[in-house]
Amino acid sequence: MKVLVVVDMQSDFIDGALGTKEALLIVPNVINKIKQYEESNDIIIYTKDTHYDNYLDTLEGKKLPIPHCIKNTIGWQIPKEILRNHQLIFEKETFGSVALIDYLKTIEWQEIELIGLCTDICVISNALLIKANFPEKKIKVDSKCTSGVSVESYHEALNTMKMCHIDVI
C-alpha cells in the first residue's frame, strides 16, 4: 500500500497571508496527484497547520509575526477541490506531525509520498520525521507538487532531503 501525505495545502499558504505565486501554480498538480492516489485506492492523509488567536505570543509567532492558519478561519481551510472527500486529517501546531508518525506505525505501507506547502518548512520537517522513524521505507517528494517560502530555500530543502536519502522526483 502507498500513502500520500498532503502537507498544509491551506488557503493561507496558497493565496492568503503566506501565499505565493509558486504555491498557486502547484494547485492543479496537487489535485491531479490526489486523483491518482484515489484511483489506486491508496491512503491519502492531510496535515493542517493549526494556530490560535494567541499565535503572535508563541515562539513561532515571534519568529514569523504573520498570523496564519488560525483555527476556524478561511485561511485555515483546505480548499474543497484539494480536500475532496477525505477525512484523515492531522492538525498540527508545529512544523512536523507526531500524530502522523503514530498513525503510520499502525498501518502497513511500502511507500510514502509527500506533497504540499511549504517545502522548506513543513514538508521537509515531516519527511525527515518519517525517515527517522522508518529508515527502510521508500520516501519521496514530488517537486512538481511542492513550493517554498522562497525559490532559494525551496531548492535548498529539496537538496537537503536528497542528502537524507529521500527521493525527490
N, C-alpha and C. Protein backbone atom coordinates (compact mmCIF):
# COMPACT_ATOMS: atom_id res chain seq x y z
N MET A 1 0.84 -1.18 0.00
CA MET A 1 0.00 0.00 0.00
C MET A 1 0.88 1.24 0.00
N LYS A 2 0.45 2.23 -0.77
CA LYS A 2 1.14 3.52 -0.82
C LYS A 2 0.36 4.54 -0.01
N VAL A 3 1.08 5.55 0.46
CA VAL A 3 0.48 6.62 1.24
C VAL A 3 0.88 7.95 0.61
N LEU A 4 -0.10 8.82 0.47
CA LEU A 4 0.15 10.20 0.04
C LEU A 4 -0.11 11.11 1.22
N VAL A 5 0.86 11.93 1.56
CA VAL A 5 0.68 12.93 2.62
C VAL A 5 0.63 14.30 1.96
N VAL A 6 -0.51 14.94 2.10
CA VAL A 6 -0.74 16.28 1.55
C VAL A 6 -0.51 17.25 2.70
N VAL A 7 0.63 17.94 2.65
CA VAL A 7 1.06 18.79 3.76
C VAL A 7 0.54 20.22 3.60
N ASP A 8 -0.29 20.63 4.53
CA ASP A 8 -0.68 22.03 4.73
C ASP A 8 -1.12 22.77 3.46
N MET A 9 -1.91 22.13 2.63
CA MET A 9 -2.44 22.80 1.44
C MET A 9 -3.64 23.65 1.84
N GLN A 10 -3.36 24.65 2.65
CA GLN A 10 -4.38 25.51 3.22
C GLN A 10 -4.38 26.87 2.53
N SER A 11 -5.53 27.52 2.59
CA SER A 11 -5.69 28.79 1.88
C SER A 11 -4.64 29.82 2.24
N ASP A 12 -4.26 29.92 3.51
CA ASP A 12 -3.26 30.92 3.88
C ASP A 12 -1.91 30.68 3.23
N PHE A 13 -1.59 29.44 2.91
CA PHE A 13 -0.32 29.13 2.25
C PHE A 13 -0.43 29.20 0.72
N ILE A 14 -1.64 29.14 0.20
CA ILE A 14 -1.83 29.17 -1.25
C ILE A 14 -1.97 30.60 -1.74
N ASP A 15 -2.99 31.29 -1.24
CA ASP A 15 -3.25 32.65 -1.72
C ASP A 15 -3.60 33.62 -0.60
N GLY A 16 -3.34 33.20 0.63
CA GLY A 16 -3.66 34.04 1.77
C GLY A 16 -2.44 34.71 2.36
N ALA A 17 -2.39 34.78 3.68
CA ALA A 17 -1.36 35.53 4.42
C ALA A 17 0.07 35.18 4.01
N LEU A 18 0.33 33.92 3.71
CA LEU A 18 1.69 33.49 3.33
C LEU A 18 1.71 32.87 1.93
N GLY A 19 0.71 33.17 1.14
CA GLY A 19 0.62 32.62 -0.21
C GLY A 19 1.68 33.18 -1.15
N THR A 20 1.98 32.40 -2.18
CA THR A 20 2.94 32.83 -3.20
C THR A 20 2.42 32.44 -4.58
N LYS A 21 2.98 33.06 -5.60
CA LYS A 21 2.58 32.69 -6.96
C LYS A 21 2.99 31.25 -7.26
N GLU A 22 4.11 30.81 -6.68
CA GLU A 22 4.56 29.42 -6.88
C GLU A 22 3.58 28.44 -6.25
N ALA A 23 3.04 28.79 -5.09
CA ALA A 23 2.05 27.92 -4.43
C ALA A 23 0.79 27.80 -5.30
N LEU A 24 0.35 28.91 -5.85
CA LEU A 24 -0.83 28.87 -6.73
C LEU A 24 -0.58 27.97 -7.93
N LEU A 25 0.62 27.99 -8.46
CA LEU A 25 0.94 27.22 -9.65
C LEU A 25 0.91 25.71 -9.43
N ILE A 26 1.15 25.25 -8.20
CA ILE A 26 1.18 23.80 -7.97
C ILE A 26 -0.20 23.20 -7.72
N VAL A 27 -1.21 24.02 -7.49
CA VAL A 27 -2.55 23.51 -7.13
C VAL A 27 -3.07 22.49 -8.14
N PRO A 28 -3.03 22.75 -9.45
CA PRO A 28 -3.52 21.72 -10.39
C PRO A 28 -2.73 20.40 -10.30
N ASN A 29 -1.42 20.48 -10.08
CA ASN A 29 -0.61 19.27 -9.94
C ASN A 29 -1.00 18.50 -8.69
N VAL A 30 -1.25 19.22 -7.60
CA VAL A 30 -1.66 18.59 -6.35
C VAL A 30 -2.99 17.87 -6.54
N ILE A 31 -3.94 18.52 -7.17
CA ILE A 31 -5.25 17.92 -7.42
C ILE A 31 -5.10 16.65 -8.26
N ASN A 32 -4.29 16.71 -9.29
CA ASN A 32 -4.07 15.52 -10.13
C ASN A 32 -3.41 14.38 -9.36
N LYS A 33 -2.45 14.72 -8.52
CA LYS A 33 -1.76 13.70 -7.71
C LYS A 33 -2.76 13.03 -6.77
N ILE A 34 -3.61 13.81 -6.13
CA ILE A 34 -4.62 13.25 -5.22
C ILE A 34 -5.54 12.31 -5.99
N LYS A 35 -5.96 12.71 -7.18
CA LYS A 35 -6.83 11.86 -8.01
C LYS A 35 -6.14 10.53 -8.34
N GLN A 36 -4.84 10.56 -8.64
CA GLN A 36 -4.11 9.33 -8.93
C GLN A 36 -4.15 8.37 -7.74
N TYR A 37 -3.95 8.89 -6.55
CA TYR A 37 -3.98 8.05 -5.35
C TYR A 37 -5.40 7.55 -5.07
N GLU A 38 -6.39 8.38 -5.34
CA GLU A 38 -7.79 7.94 -5.18
C GLU A 38 -8.09 6.77 -6.11
N GLU A 39 -7.68 6.90 -7.36
CA GLU A 39 -7.94 5.85 -8.34
C GLU A 39 -7.26 4.54 -7.98
N SER A 40 -6.14 4.61 -7.28
CA SER A 40 -5.41 3.41 -6.87
C SER A 40 -5.88 2.89 -5.51
N ASN A 41 -6.84 3.57 -4.90
CA ASN A 41 -7.33 3.20 -3.57
C ASN A 41 -6.22 3.19 -2.52
N ASP A 42 -5.27 4.07 -2.68
CA ASP A 42 -4.21 4.19 -1.69
C ASP A 42 -4.66 5.15 -0.59
N ILE A 43 -3.88 5.24 0.46
CA ILE A 43 -4.21 6.08 1.61
C ILE A 43 -3.79 7.52 1.33
N ILE A 44 -4.69 8.44 1.62
CA ILE A 44 -4.40 9.87 1.49
C ILE A 44 -4.60 10.50 2.86
N ILE A 45 -3.55 11.18 3.32
CA ILE A 45 -3.56 11.83 4.62
C ILE A 45 -3.25 13.32 4.41
N TYR A 46 -3.95 14.14 5.16
CA TYR A 46 -3.70 15.58 5.12
C TYR A 46 -3.14 16.03 6.46
N THR A 47 -2.22 16.99 6.42
CA THR A 47 -1.85 17.69 7.64
C THR A 47 -2.39 19.10 7.52
N LYS A 48 -2.65 19.69 8.67
CA LYS A 48 -3.26 21.02 8.69
C LYS A 48 -2.55 21.86 9.75
N ASP A 49 -1.80 22.85 9.30
CA ASP A 49 -1.16 23.79 10.20
C ASP A 49 -2.27 24.45 11.01
N THR A 50 -2.14 24.45 12.32
CA THR A 50 -3.22 24.95 13.17
C THR A 50 -2.66 25.85 14.27
N HIS A 51 -3.09 27.10 14.23
CA HIS A 51 -2.70 28.07 15.24
C HIS A 51 -3.96 28.66 15.86
N TYR A 52 -3.75 29.47 16.89
CA TYR A 52 -4.87 30.03 17.65
C TYR A 52 -4.71 31.54 17.76
N ASP A 53 -5.66 32.18 18.39
CA ASP A 53 -5.64 33.64 18.49
C ASP A 53 -4.39 34.18 19.18
N ASN A 54 -3.74 33.37 19.98
CA ASN A 54 -2.52 33.81 20.68
C ASN A 54 -1.25 33.56 19.84
N TYR A 55 -1.39 33.33 18.56
CA TYR A 55 -0.26 32.97 17.71
C TYR A 55 0.94 33.90 17.89
N LEU A 56 0.71 35.20 17.91
CA LEU A 56 1.83 36.15 18.00
C LEU A 56 2.58 36.05 19.32
N ASP A 57 1.98 35.41 20.33
CA ASP A 57 2.65 35.21 21.62
C ASP A 57 3.47 33.92 21.67
N THR A 58 3.36 33.09 20.64
CA THR A 58 4.11 31.84 20.61
C THR A 58 5.51 32.08 20.06
N LEU A 59 6.40 31.10 20.27
CA LEU A 59 7.76 31.23 19.75
C LEU A 59 7.72 31.38 18.23
N GLU A 60 6.91 30.54 17.56
CA GLU A 60 6.81 30.66 16.10
C GLU A 60 6.31 32.04 15.71
N GLY A 61 5.29 32.54 16.43
CA GLY A 61 4.72 33.85 16.13
C GLY A 61 5.70 34.98 16.31
N LYS A 62 6.64 34.80 17.23
CA LYS A 62 7.67 35.83 17.44
C LYS A 62 8.72 35.79 16.33
N LYS A 63 8.97 34.60 15.78
CA LYS A 63 9.95 34.47 14.71
C LYS A 63 9.34 34.72 13.33
N LEU A 64 8.04 34.43 13.20
CA LEU A 64 7.30 34.66 11.96
C LEU A 64 6.02 35.42 12.33
N PRO A 65 6.13 36.74 12.50
CA PRO A 65 4.99 37.51 13.02
C PRO A 65 3.90 37.82 11.99
N ILE A 66 3.46 36.78 11.31
CA ILE A 66 2.36 36.91 10.35
C ILE A 66 1.30 35.88 10.75
N PRO A 67 0.22 36.33 11.38
CA PRO A 67 -0.82 35.36 11.75
C PRO A 67 -1.31 34.59 10.52
N HIS A 68 -1.38 33.28 10.67
CA HIS A 68 -1.82 32.42 9.56
C HIS A 68 -2.40 31.14 10.13
N CYS A 69 -3.24 30.51 9.35
CA CYS A 69 -3.85 29.22 9.71
C CYS A 69 -4.43 29.23 11.12
N ILE A 70 -5.11 30.33 11.46
CA ILE A 70 -5.79 30.43 12.74
C ILE A 70 -7.03 29.55 12.65
N LYS A 71 -7.17 28.63 13.60
CA LYS A 71 -8.24 27.63 13.57
C LYS A 71 -9.61 28.29 13.33
N ASN A 72 -10.36 27.64 12.43
CA ASN A 72 -11.72 28.04 12.07
C ASN A 72 -11.81 29.31 11.25
N THR A 73 -10.69 29.78 10.69
CA THR A 73 -10.75 30.91 9.76
C THR A 73 -10.71 30.38 8.33
N ILE A 74 -10.99 31.24 7.38
CA ILE A 74 -10.93 30.84 5.96
C ILE A 74 -9.51 30.41 5.60
N GLY A 75 -8.50 31.11 6.09
CA GLY A 75 -7.11 30.77 5.78
C GLY A 75 -6.68 29.42 6.30
N TRP A 76 -7.35 28.91 7.33
CA TRP A 76 -7.05 27.61 7.93
C TRP A 76 -7.60 26.46 7.09
N GLN A 77 -8.58 26.75 6.25
CA GLN A 77 -9.27 25.73 5.48
C GLN A 77 -8.41 25.18 4.34
N ILE A 78 -8.65 23.93 4.01
CA ILE A 78 -8.09 23.31 2.81
C ILE A 78 -9.16 23.46 1.74
N PRO A 79 -8.83 24.07 0.59
CA PRO A 79 -9.85 24.23 -0.45
C PRO A 79 -10.51 22.90 -0.82
N LYS A 80 -11.81 22.94 -1.08
CA LYS A 80 -12.59 21.72 -1.33
C LYS A 80 -12.06 20.90 -2.49
N GLU A 81 -11.54 21.55 -3.53
CA GLU A 81 -11.03 20.78 -4.67
C GLU A 81 -9.76 20.01 -4.31
N ILE A 82 -9.11 20.41 -3.23
CA ILE A 82 -7.92 19.70 -2.76
C ILE A 82 -8.30 18.67 -1.70
N LEU A 83 -9.14 19.04 -0.77
CA LEU A 83 -9.54 18.13 0.30
C LEU A 83 -10.41 17.00 -0.23
N ARG A 84 -11.30 17.33 -1.12
CA ARG A 84 -12.20 16.34 -1.72
C ARG A 84 -13.00 15.65 -0.63
N ASN A 85 -13.11 14.33 -0.62
CA ASN A 85 -13.96 13.64 0.35
C ASN A 85 -13.18 12.96 1.46
N HIS A 86 -11.94 13.27 1.58
CA HIS A 86 -11.09 12.60 2.56
C HIS A 86 -11.25 13.22 3.94
N GLN A 87 -11.19 12.40 4.94
CA GLN A 87 -11.38 12.89 6.30
C GLN A 87 -10.20 12.60 7.21
N LEU A 88 -9.15 11.99 6.71
CA LEU A 88 -7.98 11.67 7.55
C LEU A 88 -7.08 12.90 7.58
N ILE A 89 -7.28 13.73 8.60
CA ILE A 89 -6.57 15.00 8.72
C ILE A 89 -5.92 15.05 10.09
N PHE A 90 -4.65 15.42 10.11
CA PHE A 90 -3.93 15.62 11.35
C PHE A 90 -3.63 17.10 11.51
N GLU A 91 -4.27 17.72 12.49
CA GLU A 91 -3.95 19.10 12.82
C GLU A 91 -2.63 19.09 13.57
N LYS A 92 -1.82 20.11 13.32
CA LYS A 92 -0.53 20.18 13.99
C LYS A 92 -0.22 21.63 14.34
N GLU A 93 0.33 21.84 15.51
CA GLU A 93 0.64 23.18 15.99
C GLU A 93 2.08 23.59 15.69
N THR A 94 2.81 22.67 15.08
CA THR A 94 4.20 22.95 14.74
C THR A 94 4.49 22.36 13.36
N PHE A 95 5.72 22.39 12.94
CA PHE A 95 6.06 22.03 11.57
C PHE A 95 5.83 20.56 11.24
N GLY A 96 6.26 19.67 12.10
CA GLY A 96 6.09 18.24 11.86
C GLY A 96 4.94 17.67 12.68
N SER A 97 4.38 16.58 12.21
CA SER A 97 3.23 15.96 12.89
C SER A 97 3.62 14.64 13.55
N VAL A 98 3.68 14.65 14.87
CA VAL A 98 3.94 13.42 15.62
C VAL A 98 2.74 12.48 15.48
N ALA A 99 1.53 13.04 15.41
CA ALA A 99 0.33 12.20 15.24
C ALA A 99 0.39 11.44 13.92
N LEU A 100 0.93 12.05 12.87
CA LEU A 100 1.11 11.37 11.59
C LEU A 100 2.03 10.16 11.77
N ILE A 101 3.13 10.34 12.47
CA ILE A 101 4.07 9.25 12.71
C ILE A 101 3.39 8.13 13.49
N ASP A 102 2.66 8.50 14.53
CA ASP A 102 1.94 7.50 15.33
C ASP A 102 0.97 6.70 14.47
N TYR A 103 0.26 7.38 13.58
CA TYR A 103 -0.68 6.69 12.70
C TYR A 103 0.06 5.74 11.74
N LEU A 104 1.15 6.21 11.15
CA LEU A 104 1.89 5.39 10.20
C LEU A 104 2.42 4.11 10.85
N LYS A 105 2.64 4.14 12.15
CA LYS A 105 3.10 2.95 12.88
C LYS A 105 2.00 1.90 13.01
N THR A 106 0.75 2.29 12.75
CA THR A 106 -0.37 1.36 12.94
C THR A 106 -0.85 0.71 11.65
N ILE A 107 -0.29 1.12 10.52
CA ILE A 107 -0.75 0.58 9.23
C ILE A 107 0.41 -0.05 8.48
N GLU A 108 0.06 -0.89 7.51
CA GLU A 108 1.06 -1.48 6.62
C GLU A 108 1.20 -0.60 5.38
N TRP A 109 2.41 -0.20 5.09
CA TRP A 109 2.66 0.58 3.88
C TRP A 109 4.07 0.32 3.41
N GLN A 110 4.26 0.47 2.09
CA GLN A 110 5.57 0.24 1.49
C GLN A 110 6.25 1.52 1.05
N GLU A 111 5.45 2.50 0.68
CA GLU A 111 6.00 3.73 0.10
C GLU A 111 5.14 4.91 0.52
N ILE A 112 5.80 6.04 0.74
CA ILE A 112 5.07 7.25 1.10
C ILE A 112 5.57 8.39 0.24
N GLU A 113 4.64 9.23 -0.17
CA GLU A 113 4.96 10.39 -0.99
C GLU A 113 4.39 11.63 -0.31
N LEU A 114 5.19 12.68 -0.27
CA LEU A 114 4.75 13.93 0.32
C LEU A 114 4.63 15.00 -0.75
N ILE A 115 3.58 15.80 -0.62
CA ILE A 115 3.37 16.95 -1.49
C ILE A 115 2.85 18.08 -0.60
N GLY A 116 2.90 19.30 -1.08
CA GLY A 116 2.27 20.38 -0.34
C GLY A 116 3.19 21.55 -0.05
N LEU A 117 2.84 22.25 1.03
CA LEU A 117 3.45 23.52 1.39
C LEU A 117 3.88 23.51 2.86
N CYS A 118 4.77 24.23 3.21
CA CYS A 118 5.86 24.80 2.44
C CYS A 118 7.01 23.80 2.47
N THR A 119 7.61 23.56 1.35
CA THR A 119 8.65 22.55 1.22
C THR A 119 9.79 22.77 2.19
N ASP A 120 10.16 24.02 2.37
CA ASP A 120 11.34 24.36 3.16
C ASP A 120 11.05 24.47 4.66
N ILE A 121 9.82 24.21 5.06
CA ILE A 121 9.50 24.20 6.49
C ILE A 121 8.75 22.91 6.84
N CYS A 122 7.50 22.83 6.46
CA CYS A 122 6.67 21.71 6.93
C CYS A 122 6.85 20.43 6.12
N VAL A 123 7.04 20.51 4.82
CA VAL A 123 7.25 19.28 4.04
C VAL A 123 8.55 18.61 4.48
N ILE A 124 9.62 19.37 4.56
CA ILE A 124 10.90 18.78 4.95
C ILE A 124 10.84 18.26 6.39
N SER A 125 10.17 18.97 7.29
CA SER A 125 10.06 18.51 8.68
C SER A 125 9.36 17.16 8.75
N ASN A 126 8.26 17.02 8.02
CA ASN A 126 7.53 15.75 8.04
C ASN A 126 8.30 14.65 7.33
N ALA A 127 8.97 14.97 6.24
CA ALA A 127 9.76 13.97 5.52
C ALA A 127 10.88 13.44 6.41
N LEU A 128 11.55 14.32 7.13
CA LEU A 128 12.65 13.88 8.00
C LEU A 128 12.14 13.12 9.22
N LEU A 129 10.99 13.49 9.75
CA LEU A 129 10.38 12.71 10.83
C LEU A 129 10.06 11.30 10.36
N ILE A 130 9.49 11.20 9.17
CA ILE A 130 9.16 9.88 8.63
C ILE A 130 10.43 9.07 8.41
N LYS A 131 11.44 9.69 7.83
CA LYS A 131 12.71 9.00 7.58
C LYS A 131 13.34 8.51 8.88
N ALA A 132 13.28 9.33 9.93
CA ALA A 132 13.86 8.94 11.21
C ALA A 132 13.13 7.76 11.84
N ASN A 133 11.84 7.68 11.61
CA ASN A 133 11.04 6.61 12.21
C ASN A 133 10.92 5.37 11.34
N PHE A 134 11.14 5.53 10.04
CA PHE A 134 11.01 4.41 9.10
C PHE A 134 12.18 4.44 8.12
N PRO A 135 13.40 4.20 8.61
CA PRO A 135 14.59 4.38 7.77
C PRO A 135 14.67 3.44 6.57
N GLU A 136 13.94 2.32 6.59
CA GLU A 136 14.00 1.38 5.48
C GLU A 136 12.83 1.50 4.51
N LYS A 137 11.95 2.45 4.73
CA LYS A 137 10.81 2.63 3.83
C LYS A 137 11.16 3.64 2.74
N LYS A 138 10.51 3.48 1.59
CA LYS A 138 10.72 4.41 0.48
C LYS A 138 9.91 5.67 0.74
N ILE A 139 10.62 6.79 0.72
CA ILE A 139 10.01 8.10 0.95
C ILE A 139 10.37 8.99 -0.22
N LYS A 140 9.35 9.66 -0.77
CA LYS A 140 9.64 10.55 -1.89
C LYS A 140 8.82 11.83 -1.77
N VAL A 141 9.32 12.85 -2.44
CA VAL A 141 8.67 14.15 -2.50
C VAL A 141 8.56 14.53 -3.97
N ASP A 142 7.36 14.93 -4.39
CA ASP A 142 7.16 15.33 -5.77
C ASP A 142 7.39 16.84 -5.88
N SER A 143 8.47 17.22 -6.53
CA SER A 143 8.83 18.64 -6.63
C SER A 143 7.84 19.43 -7.46
N LYS A 144 7.04 18.77 -8.28
CA LYS A 144 6.02 19.49 -9.08
C LYS A 144 4.77 19.78 -8.26
N CYS A 145 4.71 19.21 -7.07
CA CYS A 145 3.56 19.39 -6.18
C CYS A 145 3.96 20.05 -4.87
N THR A 146 5.05 20.81 -4.90
CA THR A 146 5.54 21.50 -3.71
C THR A 146 6.05 22.87 -4.11
N SER A 147 6.07 23.77 -3.15
CA SER A 147 6.76 25.04 -3.33
C SER A 147 7.15 25.55 -1.96
N GLY A 148 7.99 26.58 -1.94
CA GLY A 148 8.53 27.04 -0.67
C GLY A 148 8.31 28.50 -0.41
N VAL A 149 8.88 28.93 0.70
CA VAL A 149 8.79 30.32 1.11
C VAL A 149 9.48 31.21 0.07
N SER A 150 10.63 30.75 -0.41
CA SER A 150 11.33 31.44 -1.49
C SER A 150 11.87 30.37 -2.44
N VAL A 151 12.20 30.77 -3.63
CA VAL A 151 12.74 29.82 -4.60
C VAL A 151 14.06 29.24 -4.08
N GLU A 152 14.89 30.08 -3.50
CA GLU A 152 16.18 29.63 -2.99
C GLU A 152 16.02 28.62 -1.86
N SER A 153 15.20 28.92 -0.87
CA SER A 153 15.04 27.99 0.26
C SER A 153 14.32 26.72 -0.16
N TYR A 154 13.47 26.81 -1.17
CA TYR A 154 12.80 25.63 -1.73
C TYR A 154 13.84 24.64 -2.28
N HIS A 155 14.76 25.15 -3.09
CA HIS A 155 15.79 24.28 -3.68
C HIS A 155 16.75 23.75 -2.61
N GLU A 156 17.06 24.56 -1.61
CA GLU A 156 17.90 24.09 -0.51
C GLU A 156 17.22 22.93 0.22
N ALA A 157 15.91 23.04 0.44
CA ALA A 157 15.17 21.96 1.13
C ALA A 157 15.17 20.69 0.29
N LEU A 158 14.94 20.82 -1.01
CA LEU A 158 14.97 19.63 -1.88
C LEU A 158 16.34 18.96 -1.83
N ASN A 159 17.39 19.76 -1.88
CA ASN A 159 18.75 19.19 -1.81
C ASN A 159 19.02 18.54 -0.46
N THR A 160 18.55 19.14 0.61
CA THR A 160 18.72 18.54 1.94
C THR A 160 18.02 17.19 2.01
N MET A 161 16.79 17.12 1.48
CA MET A 161 16.07 15.84 1.50
C MET A 161 16.80 14.79 0.67
N LYS A 162 17.33 15.18 -0.47
CA LYS A 162 18.11 14.24 -1.29
C LYS A 162 19.30 13.69 -0.50
N MET A 163 19.98 14.58 0.23
CA MET A 163 21.14 14.16 1.03
C MET A 163 20.74 13.19 2.13
N CYS A 164 19.49 13.25 2.55
CA CYS A 164 18.98 12.36 3.61
C CYS A 164 18.29 11.13 3.01
N HIS A 165 18.54 10.86 1.74
CA HIS A 165 18.04 9.67 1.04
C HIS A 165 16.53 9.67 0.88
N ILE A 166 15.95 10.84 0.75
CA ILE A 166 14.55 10.98 0.39
C ILE A 166 14.55 11.28 -1.11
N ASP A 167 13.80 10.48 -1.86
CA ASP A 167 13.77 10.66 -3.31
C ASP A 167 12.98 11.91 -3.67
N VAL A 168 13.58 12.77 -4.44
CA VAL A 168 12.91 13.96 -4.95
C VAL A 168 12.67 13.74 -6.43
N ILE A 169 11.40 13.72 -6.79
CA ILE A 169 11.07 13.46 -8.21
C ILE A 169 10.54 14.72 -8.87
